[in-house]
Amino acid sequence: MTTPRQKPTAKSAARLGAVQALYQMDIAGADVGETLAQFVARAVGDNFEDGQCGEADYKHLRDVVEGVVREQQLIDVTVDKQLDKDWPIHRINAILRAVLRAGAFEIMFKENVPARVAINEYVNVAAAFFDAEEPALANAVLNALARVRRPEEFAA
């Protein structure tokens, strides 16, 4: 018997929304301001497994999206170090790319968010879109990145 999934918190919803916004910008080449305006203007459902982000913490969503855009070059180079050299970030699925960029941004630039929280949250976001393989990859990449960037959080 499975337990019904709880409604995501506002921060979890913001992370899902940020990934959706980053994906939209990546695929459609949309502008940051335009994309964020669409997210604030539309009502979204509460079915987290179907990629709907519910009542999101818009400030956090905006912070992640704008931060990823601002720091994308550094984020991509850093994430590439954790990926197979034959599969750099630009070659992977656009949704997974958005998950990795958002998770890496929080690990690299949001010191007030514990690394384990960021990893868990973005693995859950990946699981909202994919089955087992992609969430496992997101977990491996973000965990490795966090252990390099914040080793003190993983010390015994």
N, C-alpha and C. Protein backbone atom coordinates (compact mmCIF):
# COMPACT_ATOMS: atom_id res chain seq x y z
N MET A 1 0.84 -1.18 0.00
CA MET A 1 0.00 0.00 0.00
C MET A 1 0.89 1.24 0.00
N THR A 2 0.61 2.18 -0.87
CA THR A 2 1.40 3.40 -0.91
C THR A 2 0.70 4.51 -0.15
N THR A 3 1.49 5.33 0.46
CA THR A 3 0.96 6.47 1.19
C THR A 3 0.78 7.63 0.23
N PRO A 4 -0.33 8.35 0.31
CA PRO A 4 -0.49 9.49 -0.59
C PRO A 4 0.59 10.52 -0.33
N ARG A 5 1.11 11.09 -1.40
CA ARG A 5 2.17 12.08 -1.29
C ARG A 5 1.59 13.37 -0.73
N GLN A 6 2.32 13.97 0.21
CA GLN A 6 1.89 15.24 0.77
C GLN A 6 2.04 16.34 -0.27
N LYS A 7 1.22 17.36 -0.11
CA LYS A 7 1.33 18.53 -0.98
C LYS A 7 2.72 19.15 -0.75
N PRO A 8 3.42 19.52 -1.83
CA PRO A 8 4.77 20.06 -1.65
C PRO A 8 4.74 21.39 -0.89
N THR A 9 5.81 21.66 -0.17
CA THR A 9 5.92 22.94 0.51
C THR A 9 6.09 24.05 -0.53
N ALA A 10 5.95 25.28 -0.09
CA ALA A 10 6.10 26.41 -1.01
C ALA A 10 7.50 26.45 -1.62
N LYS A 11 8.53 26.08 -0.86
CA LYS A 11 9.89 26.07 -1.40
C LYS A 11 10.06 24.92 -2.39
N SER A 12 9.49 23.76 -2.08
CA SER A 12 9.55 22.62 -3.01
C SER A 12 8.85 22.99 -4.31
N ALA A 13 7.69 23.62 -4.18
CA ALA A 13 6.94 24.05 -5.35
C ALA A 13 7.74 25.08 -6.14
N ALA A 14 8.46 25.96 -5.44
CA ALA A 14 9.30 26.96 -6.11
C ALA A 14 10.41 26.29 -6.91
N ARG A 15 10.98 25.24 -6.35
CA ARG A 15 12.05 24.52 -7.06
C ARG A 15 11.52 23.85 -8.31
N LEU A 16 10.36 23.23 -8.20
CA LEU A 16 9.75 22.63 -9.38
C LEU A 16 9.43 23.70 -10.42
N GLY A 17 8.87 24.82 -9.98
CA GLY A 17 8.57 25.92 -10.89
C GLY A 17 9.82 26.48 -11.54
N ALA A 18 10.90 26.57 -10.78
CA ALA A 18 12.17 27.08 -11.33
C ALA A 18 12.67 26.16 -12.43
N VAL A 19 12.58 24.85 -12.20
CA VAL A 19 13.02 23.89 -13.23
C VAL A 19 12.14 24.03 -14.47
N GLN A 20 10.85 24.19 -14.28
CA GLN A 20 9.95 24.37 -15.42
C GLN A 20 10.29 25.65 -16.18
N ALA A 21 10.57 26.72 -15.46
CA ALA A 21 10.92 28.00 -16.10
C ALA A 21 12.24 27.87 -16.86
N LEU A 22 13.23 27.25 -16.23
CA LEU A 22 14.53 27.07 -16.90
C LEU A 22 14.39 26.21 -18.16
N TYR A 23 13.58 25.18 -18.07
CA TYR A 23 13.32 24.32 -19.23
C TYR A 23 12.68 25.14 -20.35
N GLN A 24 11.67 25.91 -20.00
CA GLN A 24 10.96 26.73 -20.99
C GLN A 24 11.92 27.72 -21.65
N MET A 25 12.78 28.34 -20.86
CA MET A 25 13.73 29.30 -21.42
C MET A 25 14.74 28.60 -22.32
N ASP A 26 15.17 27.41 -21.93
CA ASP A 26 16.14 26.65 -22.70
C ASP A 26 15.55 26.21 -24.04
N ILE A 27 14.36 25.68 -24.02
CA ILE A 27 13.73 25.14 -25.23
C ILE A 27 13.22 26.25 -26.15
N ALA A 28 12.54 27.23 -25.57
CA ALA A 28 11.90 28.28 -26.39
C ALA A 28 12.78 29.51 -26.57
N GLY A 29 13.90 29.57 -25.85
CA GLY A 29 14.74 30.75 -25.92
C GLY A 29 14.06 31.98 -25.35
N ALA A 30 13.15 31.74 -24.40
CA ALA A 30 12.37 32.84 -23.83
C ALA A 30 13.23 33.69 -22.90
N ASP A 31 12.86 34.93 -22.75
CA ASP A 31 13.50 35.91 -21.89
C ASP A 31 13.18 35.59 -20.41
N VAL A 32 14.11 35.89 -19.51
CA VAL A 32 13.91 35.63 -18.08
C VAL A 32 12.69 36.37 -17.56
N GLY A 33 12.63 37.67 -17.80
CA GLY A 33 11.51 38.47 -17.29
C GLY A 33 10.17 37.98 -17.81
N GLU A 34 10.12 37.69 -19.08
CA GLU A 34 8.88 37.20 -19.70
C GLU A 34 8.46 35.86 -19.10
N THR A 35 9.42 34.97 -18.93
CA THR A 35 9.13 33.65 -18.37
C THR A 35 8.65 33.77 -16.93
N LEU A 36 9.33 34.58 -16.12
CA LEU A 36 8.93 34.73 -14.72
C LEU A 36 7.55 35.38 -14.63
N ALA A 37 7.25 36.32 -15.50
CA ALA A 37 5.93 36.95 -15.51
C ALA A 37 4.84 35.92 -15.80
N GLN A 38 5.11 34.99 -16.69
CA GLN A 38 4.15 33.93 -16.99
C GLN A 38 3.91 33.05 -15.77
N PHE A 39 4.95 32.77 -15.02
CA PHE A 39 4.81 31.90 -13.85
C PHE A 39 4.01 32.57 -12.75
N VAL A 40 4.19 33.88 -12.60
CA VAL A 40 3.44 34.58 -11.55
C VAL A 40 1.98 34.78 -11.97
N ALA A 41 1.73 34.87 -13.27
CA ALA A 41 0.40 35.18 -13.76
C ALA A 41 -0.52 33.97 -13.87
N ARG A 42 0.05 32.78 -14.01
CA ARG A 42 -0.82 31.62 -14.22
C ARG A 42 -1.03 30.82 -12.95
N ALA A 43 -2.17 30.26 -12.86
CA ALA A 43 -2.47 29.37 -11.73
C ALA A 43 -2.00 27.98 -12.12
N VAL A 44 -1.31 27.32 -11.22
CA VAL A 44 -0.85 25.97 -11.51
C VAL A 44 -1.45 25.00 -10.52
N GLY A 45 -1.59 23.77 -10.94
CA GLY A 45 -2.20 22.75 -10.10
C GLY A 45 -1.27 22.26 -9.01
N ASP A 46 -1.80 21.33 -8.23
CA ASP A 46 -1.07 20.81 -7.09
C ASP A 46 -0.56 19.39 -7.28
N ASN A 47 -0.62 18.86 -8.50
CA ASN A 47 -0.18 17.48 -8.73
C ASN A 47 1.31 17.48 -9.02
N PHE A 48 2.11 17.36 -7.97
CA PHE A 48 3.57 17.44 -8.05
C PHE A 48 4.13 16.40 -9.01
N GLU A 49 3.57 15.17 -8.98
CA GLU A 49 4.07 14.11 -9.85
C GLU A 49 3.88 14.43 -11.33
N ASP A 50 2.89 15.26 -11.65
CA ASP A 50 2.65 15.64 -13.04
C ASP A 50 3.34 16.94 -13.42
N GLY A 51 4.25 17.41 -12.58
CA GLY A 51 5.01 18.60 -12.91
C GLY A 51 4.32 19.90 -12.58
N GLN A 52 3.21 19.85 -11.85
CA GLN A 52 2.55 21.09 -11.44
C GLN A 52 3.15 21.51 -10.11
N CYS A 53 3.33 22.81 -9.94
CA CYS A 53 4.11 23.21 -8.76
C CYS A 53 3.30 23.82 -7.62
N GLY A 54 1.99 23.88 -7.72
CA GLY A 54 1.20 24.34 -6.58
C GLY A 54 1.53 25.76 -6.16
N GLU A 55 1.27 26.06 -4.91
CA GLU A 55 1.48 27.40 -4.36
C GLU A 55 2.97 27.58 -4.06
N ALA A 56 3.67 28.24 -4.96
CA ALA A 56 5.13 28.34 -4.86
C ALA A 56 5.58 29.61 -4.14
N ASP A 57 6.74 29.52 -3.52
CA ASP A 57 7.43 30.66 -2.94
C ASP A 57 8.06 31.39 -4.13
N TYR A 58 7.34 32.37 -4.66
CA TYR A 58 7.78 33.03 -5.89
C TYR A 58 9.15 33.68 -5.73
N LYS A 59 9.45 34.23 -4.56
CA LYS A 59 10.75 34.88 -4.35
C LYS A 59 11.88 33.85 -4.55
N HIS A 60 11.70 32.65 -4.01
CA HIS A 60 12.72 31.61 -4.16
C HIS A 60 12.80 31.16 -5.62
N LEU A 61 11.66 30.98 -6.25
CA LEU A 61 11.63 30.60 -7.67
C LEU A 61 12.41 31.61 -8.50
N ARG A 62 12.11 32.88 -8.31
CA ARG A 62 12.79 33.95 -9.06
C ARG A 62 14.28 33.97 -8.77
N ASP A 63 14.65 33.79 -7.49
CA ASP A 63 16.05 33.79 -7.10
C ASP A 63 16.82 32.67 -7.80
N VAL A 64 16.23 31.48 -7.84
CA VAL A 64 16.90 30.34 -8.49
C VAL A 64 17.02 30.58 -9.99
N VAL A 65 15.93 30.99 -10.64
CA VAL A 65 15.96 31.19 -12.09
C VAL A 65 16.95 32.28 -12.47
N GLU A 66 16.86 33.43 -11.81
CA GLU A 66 17.78 34.52 -12.14
C GLU A 66 19.22 34.15 -11.81
N GLY A 67 19.43 33.41 -10.72
CA GLY A 67 20.78 32.98 -10.35
C GLY A 67 21.37 32.01 -11.36
N VAL A 68 20.56 31.06 -11.82
CA VAL A 68 21.06 30.11 -12.83
C VAL A 68 21.42 30.85 -14.10
N VAL A 69 20.58 31.77 -14.52
CA VAL A 69 20.87 32.53 -15.74
C VAL A 69 22.16 33.34 -15.57
N ARG A 70 22.29 33.99 -14.43
CA ARG A 70 23.47 34.84 -14.16
C ARG A 70 24.75 34.00 -14.08
N GLU A 71 24.67 32.83 -13.47
CA GLU A 71 25.86 32.01 -13.19
C GLU A 71 25.96 30.78 -14.09
N GLN A 72 25.19 30.73 -15.17
CA GLN A 72 25.10 29.51 -15.98
C GLN A 72 26.44 29.02 -16.50
N GLN A 73 27.29 29.90 -16.93
CA GLN A 73 28.58 29.46 -17.48
C GLN A 73 29.39 28.71 -16.41
N LEU A 74 29.49 29.26 -15.22
CA LEU A 74 30.22 28.61 -14.13
C LEU A 74 29.52 27.32 -13.70
N ILE A 75 28.20 27.36 -13.61
CA ILE A 75 27.43 26.17 -13.23
C ILE A 75 27.67 25.04 -14.22
N ASP A 76 27.57 25.34 -15.51
CA ASP A 76 27.75 24.31 -16.53
C ASP A 76 29.14 23.68 -16.48
N VAL A 77 30.17 24.49 -16.31
CA VAL A 77 31.54 23.97 -16.21
C VAL A 77 31.66 23.08 -14.97
N THR A 78 31.07 23.50 -13.87
CA THR A 78 31.15 22.74 -12.62
C THR A 78 30.39 21.42 -12.73
N VAL A 79 29.20 21.45 -13.31
CA VAL A 79 28.41 20.23 -13.48
C VAL A 79 29.11 19.28 -14.46
N ASP A 80 29.67 19.84 -15.53
CA ASP A 80 30.39 19.00 -16.51
C ASP A 80 31.49 18.17 -15.85
N LYS A 81 32.12 18.69 -14.81
CA LYS A 81 33.18 17.95 -14.11
C LYS A 81 32.63 16.70 -13.43
N GLN A 82 31.33 16.67 -13.16
CA GLN A 82 30.72 15.52 -12.50
C GLN A 82 30.08 14.55 -13.50
N LEU A 83 29.98 14.96 -14.75
CA LEU A 83 29.36 14.13 -15.78
C LEU A 83 30.43 13.39 -16.60
N ASP A 84 30.02 12.36 -17.27
CA ASP A 84 30.90 11.63 -18.19
C ASP A 84 31.36 12.61 -19.27
N LYS A 85 32.64 12.57 -19.62
CA LYS A 85 33.17 13.53 -20.60
C LYS A 85 32.48 13.42 -21.96
N ASP A 86 31.92 12.26 -22.27
CA ASP A 86 31.19 12.10 -23.53
C ASP A 86 29.75 12.60 -23.45
N TRP A 87 29.28 12.93 -22.24
CA TRP A 87 27.92 13.43 -22.05
C TRP A 87 27.92 14.70 -21.23
N PRO A 88 28.48 15.80 -21.77
CA PRO A 88 28.46 17.07 -21.03
C PRO A 88 27.02 17.58 -20.90
N ILE A 89 26.83 18.57 -20.08
CA ILE A 89 25.50 19.06 -19.75
C ILE A 89 24.67 19.44 -20.98
N HIS A 90 25.30 19.98 -22.00
CA HIS A 90 24.53 20.40 -23.17
C HIS A 90 23.97 19.22 -23.96
N ARG A 91 24.43 18.00 -23.70
CA ARG A 91 23.95 16.82 -24.43
C ARG A 91 22.83 16.08 -23.71
N ILE A 92 22.60 16.39 -22.45
CA ILE A 92 21.58 15.64 -21.72
C ILE A 92 20.20 16.26 -21.90
N ASN A 93 19.18 15.52 -21.55
CA ASN A 93 17.79 15.95 -21.66
C ASN A 93 17.60 17.34 -21.05
N ALA A 94 16.82 18.19 -21.70
CA ALA A 94 16.64 19.58 -21.26
C ALA A 94 16.02 19.69 -19.87
N ILE A 95 15.12 18.80 -19.52
CA ILE A 95 14.52 18.86 -18.18
C ILE A 95 15.58 18.49 -17.14
N LEU A 96 16.32 17.43 -17.40
CA LEU A 96 17.37 17.03 -16.47
C LEU A 96 18.44 18.10 -16.38
N ARG A 97 18.74 18.75 -17.48
CA ARG A 97 19.71 19.85 -17.50
C ARG A 97 19.22 20.97 -16.58
N ALA A 98 17.94 21.30 -16.64
CA ALA A 98 17.37 22.35 -15.78
C ALA A 98 17.44 21.94 -14.32
N VAL A 99 17.16 20.66 -14.02
CA VAL A 99 17.25 20.15 -12.65
C VAL A 99 18.68 20.30 -12.13
N LEU A 100 19.65 19.87 -12.93
CA LEU A 100 21.06 19.94 -12.50
C LEU A 100 21.52 21.38 -12.32
N ARG A 101 21.12 22.26 -13.22
CA ARG A 101 21.53 23.67 -13.10
C ARG A 101 20.94 24.30 -11.85
N ALA A 102 19.65 24.06 -11.60
CA ALA A 102 19.00 24.65 -10.42
C ALA A 102 19.60 24.09 -9.14
N GLY A 103 19.78 22.77 -9.09
CA GLY A 103 20.38 22.15 -7.91
C GLY A 103 21.80 22.63 -7.67
N ALA A 104 22.57 22.71 -8.74
CA ALA A 104 23.94 23.19 -8.63
C ALA A 104 23.97 24.64 -8.15
N PHE A 105 23.06 25.46 -8.64
CA PHE A 105 23.00 26.86 -8.20
C PHE A 105 22.81 26.92 -6.69
N GLU A 106 21.85 26.16 -6.17
CA GLU A 106 21.60 26.22 -4.73
C GLU A 106 22.80 25.71 -3.94
N ILE A 107 23.43 24.66 -4.41
CA ILE A 107 24.61 24.12 -3.71
C ILE A 107 25.77 25.10 -3.77
N MET A 108 25.96 25.72 -4.91
CA MET A 108 27.10 26.62 -5.10
C MET A 108 26.91 28.01 -4.51
N PHE A 109 25.67 28.52 -4.51
CA PHE A 109 25.46 29.92 -4.17
C PHE A 109 24.47 30.20 -3.04
N LYS A 110 23.76 29.19 -2.57
CA LYS A 110 22.76 29.41 -1.51
C LYS A 110 23.24 28.70 -0.25
N GLU A 111 24.20 29.31 0.41
CA GLU A 111 24.82 28.71 1.60
C GLU A 111 23.81 28.47 2.72
N ASN A 112 22.70 29.21 2.71
CA ASN A 112 21.68 29.04 3.76
C ASN A 112 20.82 27.79 3.53
N VAL A 113 20.98 27.14 2.40
CA VAL A 113 20.26 25.89 2.11
C VAL A 113 21.23 24.74 2.31
N PRO A 114 20.96 23.85 3.26
CA PRO A 114 21.86 22.70 3.43
C PRO A 114 21.97 21.90 2.13
N ALA A 115 23.16 21.45 1.82
CA ALA A 115 23.40 20.72 0.56
C ALA A 115 22.50 19.50 0.45
N ARG A 116 22.34 18.77 1.55
CA ARG A 116 21.50 17.56 1.51
C ARG A 116 20.04 17.91 1.18
N VAL A 117 19.59 19.05 1.65
CA VAL A 117 18.22 19.49 1.34
C VAL A 117 18.11 19.77 -0.15
N ALA A 118 19.07 20.52 -0.69
CA ALA A 118 19.04 20.83 -2.12
C ALA A 118 19.07 19.55 -2.95
N ILE A 119 19.93 18.63 -2.59
CA ILE A 119 20.03 17.37 -3.34
C ILE A 119 18.69 16.64 -3.30
N ASN A 120 18.14 16.45 -2.12
CA ASN A 120 16.88 15.74 -1.97
C ASN A 120 15.75 16.41 -2.75
N GLU A 121 15.67 17.72 -2.64
CA GLU A 121 14.61 18.46 -3.32
C GLU A 121 14.69 18.29 -4.84
N TYR A 122 15.89 18.41 -5.39
CA TYR A 122 16.01 18.32 -6.85
C TYR A 122 15.92 16.89 -7.35
N VAL A 123 16.27 15.92 -6.54
CA VAL A 123 16.02 14.52 -6.91
C VAL A 123 14.51 14.29 -6.97
N ASN A 124 13.76 14.86 -6.01
CA ASN A 124 12.30 14.76 -6.04
C ASN A 124 11.72 15.45 -7.27
N VAL A 125 12.28 16.58 -7.65
CA VAL A 125 11.81 17.26 -8.86
C VAL A 125 12.07 16.37 -10.07
N ALA A 126 13.25 15.80 -10.15
CA ALA A 126 13.57 14.90 -11.27
C ALA A 126 12.59 13.73 -11.30
N ALA A 127 12.24 13.21 -10.12
CA ALA A 127 11.31 12.08 -10.04
C ALA A 127 9.90 12.46 -10.48
N ALA A 128 9.57 13.75 -10.45
CA ALA A 128 8.26 14.20 -10.93
C ALA A 128 8.17 14.09 -12.45
N PHE A 129 9.32 14.05 -13.13
CA PHE A 129 9.35 14.01 -14.59
C PHE A 129 9.84 12.68 -15.16
N PHE A 130 10.64 11.95 -14.38
CA PHE A 130 11.30 10.75 -14.90
C PHE A 130 11.10 9.57 -13.96
N ASP A 131 11.44 8.39 -14.46
CA ASP A 131 11.42 7.19 -13.62
C ASP A 131 12.70 7.13 -12.81
N ALA A 132 13.41 6.04 -12.84
CA ALA A 132 14.54 5.84 -11.92
C ALA A 132 15.88 6.39 -12.39
N GLU A 133 16.20 6.25 -13.66
CA GLU A 133 17.55 6.55 -14.13
C GLU A 133 17.93 8.03 -13.96
N GLU A 134 17.08 8.94 -14.39
CA GLU A 134 17.42 10.36 -14.33
C GLU A 134 17.48 10.89 -12.90
N PRO A 135 16.52 10.53 -12.01
CA PRO A 135 16.67 10.97 -10.62
C PRO A 135 17.95 10.41 -9.98
N ALA A 136 18.33 9.19 -10.33
CA ALA A 136 19.58 8.62 -9.81
C ALA A 136 20.78 9.40 -10.31
N LEU A 137 20.76 9.81 -11.57
CA LEU A 137 21.84 10.61 -12.13
C LEU A 137 21.89 11.97 -11.43
N ALA A 138 20.72 12.60 -11.25
CA ALA A 138 20.67 13.89 -10.55
C ALA A 138 21.26 13.75 -9.15
N ASN A 139 20.90 12.68 -8.45
CA ASN A 139 21.42 12.43 -7.11
C ASN A 139 22.94 12.29 -7.13
N ALA A 140 23.44 11.49 -8.05
CA ALA A 140 24.89 11.25 -8.12
C ALA A 140 25.66 12.54 -8.43
N VAL A 141 25.19 13.29 -9.42
CA VAL A 141 25.88 14.51 -9.83
C VAL A 141 25.83 15.57 -8.73
N LEU A 142 24.65 15.82 -8.18
CA LEU A 142 24.52 16.86 -7.16
C LEU A 142 25.24 16.45 -5.87
N ASN A 143 25.21 15.18 -5.52
CA ASN A 143 25.91 14.71 -4.34
C ASN A 143 27.42 14.89 -4.50
N ALA A 144 27.95 14.51 -5.66
CA ALA A 144 29.39 14.68 -5.91
C ALA A 144 29.78 16.15 -5.89
N LEU A 145 28.97 16.98 -6.52
CA LEU A 145 29.25 18.42 -6.55
C LEU A 145 29.23 18.99 -5.13
N ALA A 146 28.24 18.60 -4.34
CA ALA A 146 28.12 19.11 -2.98
C ALA A 146 29.30 18.69 -2.11
N ARG A 147 29.77 17.47 -2.31
CA ARG A 147 30.91 16.99 -1.51
C ARG A 147 32.20 17.74 -1.85
N VAL A 148 32.29 18.24 -3.07
CA VAL A 148 33.44 19.06 -3.48
C VAL A 148 33.28 20.49 -2.95
N ARG A 149 32.08 21.06 -3.12
CA ARG A 149 31.83 22.46 -2.76
C ARG A 149 31.66 22.68 -1.26
N ARG A 150 31.07 21.71 -0.57
CA ARG A 150 30.78 21.87 0.86
C ARG A 150 31.20 20.63 1.66
N PRO A 151 32.49 20.31 1.63
CA PRO A 151 32.93 19.08 2.30
C PRO A 151 32.62 19.07 3.80
N GLU A 152 32.58 20.24 4.41
CA GLU A 152 32.33 20.32 5.85
C GLU A 152 30.94 19.76 6.22
N GLU A 153 30.00 19.85 5.30
CA GLU A 153 28.64 19.34 5.57
C GLU A 153 28.60 17.81 5.52
N PHE A 154 29.64 17.19 4.95
CA PHE A 154 29.65 15.73 4.79
C PHE A 154 30.71 15.07 5.67
N ALA A 155 31.42 15.87 6.45
CA ALA A 155 32.42 15.31 7.37
C ALA A 155 31.69 14.50 8.44
N ALA A 156 32.32 13.45 8.89
CA ALA A 156 31.73 12.54 9.89
C ALA A 156 31.14 13.31 11.03
